[in-house]
Protein backbone atom coordinates (compact mmCIF):
# COMPACT_ATOMS: atom_id res chain seq x y z
CA UNK A 1 -34.30 -16.67 106.90
CA UNK A 2 -34.81 -14.68 103.71
CA UNK A 3 -36.64 -16.22 100.79
CA UNK A 4 -34.44 -16.65 97.72
CA UNK A 5 -35.84 -15.21 94.49
CA UNK A 6 -35.13 -16.99 91.23
CA UNK A 7 -35.36 -15.28 87.84
CA UNK A 8 -37.65 -17.21 85.48
CA UNK A 9 -39.35 -16.48 82.18
CA UNK A 10 -43.01 -15.71 82.82
CA UNK A 11 -45.81 -17.83 81.43
CA UNK A 12 -48.47 -15.46 82.73
CA UNK A 13 -47.05 -12.12 81.54
CA UNK A 14 -45.57 -13.13 78.23
CA UNK A 15 -45.88 -11.61 74.80
CA UNK A 16 -42.98 -13.26 72.96
CA UNK A 17 -40.88 -15.35 75.33
CA UNK A 18 -41.73 -14.05 78.79
CA UNK A 19 -38.41 -12.31 79.41
CA UNK A 20 -39.81 -8.88 80.31
CA UNK A 21 -42.68 -10.48 82.22
CA UNK A 22 -40.19 -12.51 84.23
CA UNK A 23 -38.10 -9.44 84.97
CA UNK A 24 -41.23 -7.62 86.06
CA UNK A 25 -42.17 -10.44 88.43
CA UNK A 26 -38.63 -10.62 89.80
CA UNK A 27 -38.42 -6.89 90.53
CA UNK A 28 -42.09 -6.63 91.60
CA UNK A 29 -42.95 -4.10 88.92
CA UNK A 30 -45.32 -3.87 85.98
CA UNK A 31 -43.99 -5.84 82.96
CA UNK A 32 -45.17 -3.04 80.65
CA UNK A 33 -42.66 -0.68 82.25
CA UNK A 34 -39.90 -3.26 81.75
CA UNK A 35 -40.93 -3.65 78.09
CA UNK A 36 -40.87 0.11 77.50
CA UNK A 37 -37.45 0.45 79.13
CA UNK A 38 -36.18 -2.50 77.04
CA UNK A 39 -37.46 -0.91 73.81
CA UNK A 40 -35.91 2.46 74.64
CA UNK A 41 -32.55 0.88 75.49
CA UNK A 42 -32.70 -1.18 72.28
CA UNK A 43 -33.27 1.94 70.20
CA UNK A 44 -30.50 3.85 71.98
CA UNK A 45 -28.02 0.97 71.66
CA UNK A 46 -28.78 0.46 67.93
CA UNK A 47 -30.27 -3.02 68.33
CA UNK A 48 -28.04 -4.57 71.01
CA UNK A 49 -31.20 -5.12 73.09
CA UNK A 50 -32.46 -7.59 70.49
CA UNK A 51 -29.35 -9.71 70.90
CA UNK A 52 -29.62 -9.43 74.68
CA UNK A 53 -33.28 -10.56 74.48
CA UNK A 54 -32.34 -13.59 72.36
CA UNK A 55 -29.51 -14.46 74.74
CA UNK A 56 -31.85 -14.16 77.74
CA UNK A 57 -34.36 -16.39 75.93
CA UNK A 58 -31.68 -19.06 75.66
CA UNK A 59 -30.39 -18.97 79.23
CA UNK A 60 -33.51 -18.20 81.31
CA UNK A 61 -35.62 -21.20 82.23
CA UNK A 62 -39.42 -21.29 82.19
CA UNK A 63 -41.28 -20.77 85.43
CA UNK A 64 -42.44 -24.27 86.45
CA UNK A 65 -45.43 -22.80 88.35
CA UNK A 66 -46.94 -21.26 85.18
CA UNK A 67 -48.92 -22.99 82.47
CA UNK A 68 -47.08 -23.01 79.13
CA UNK A 69 -48.88 -23.72 75.88
């Protein structure tokens, strides 16, 4: 049986809220790459990425396995 992956905000790889770190953990990639892609898409979309980040901050839960300060 396949293990189910759940998308969480990261407590280990966080800079602001852990959104990009959580996406990096979910897709098994470096969070820095996710951050760079997010910044580029935000600049191209004239700031829509900022609203998407805030929305993701509201709906994504914290990873219960990570230590949060």
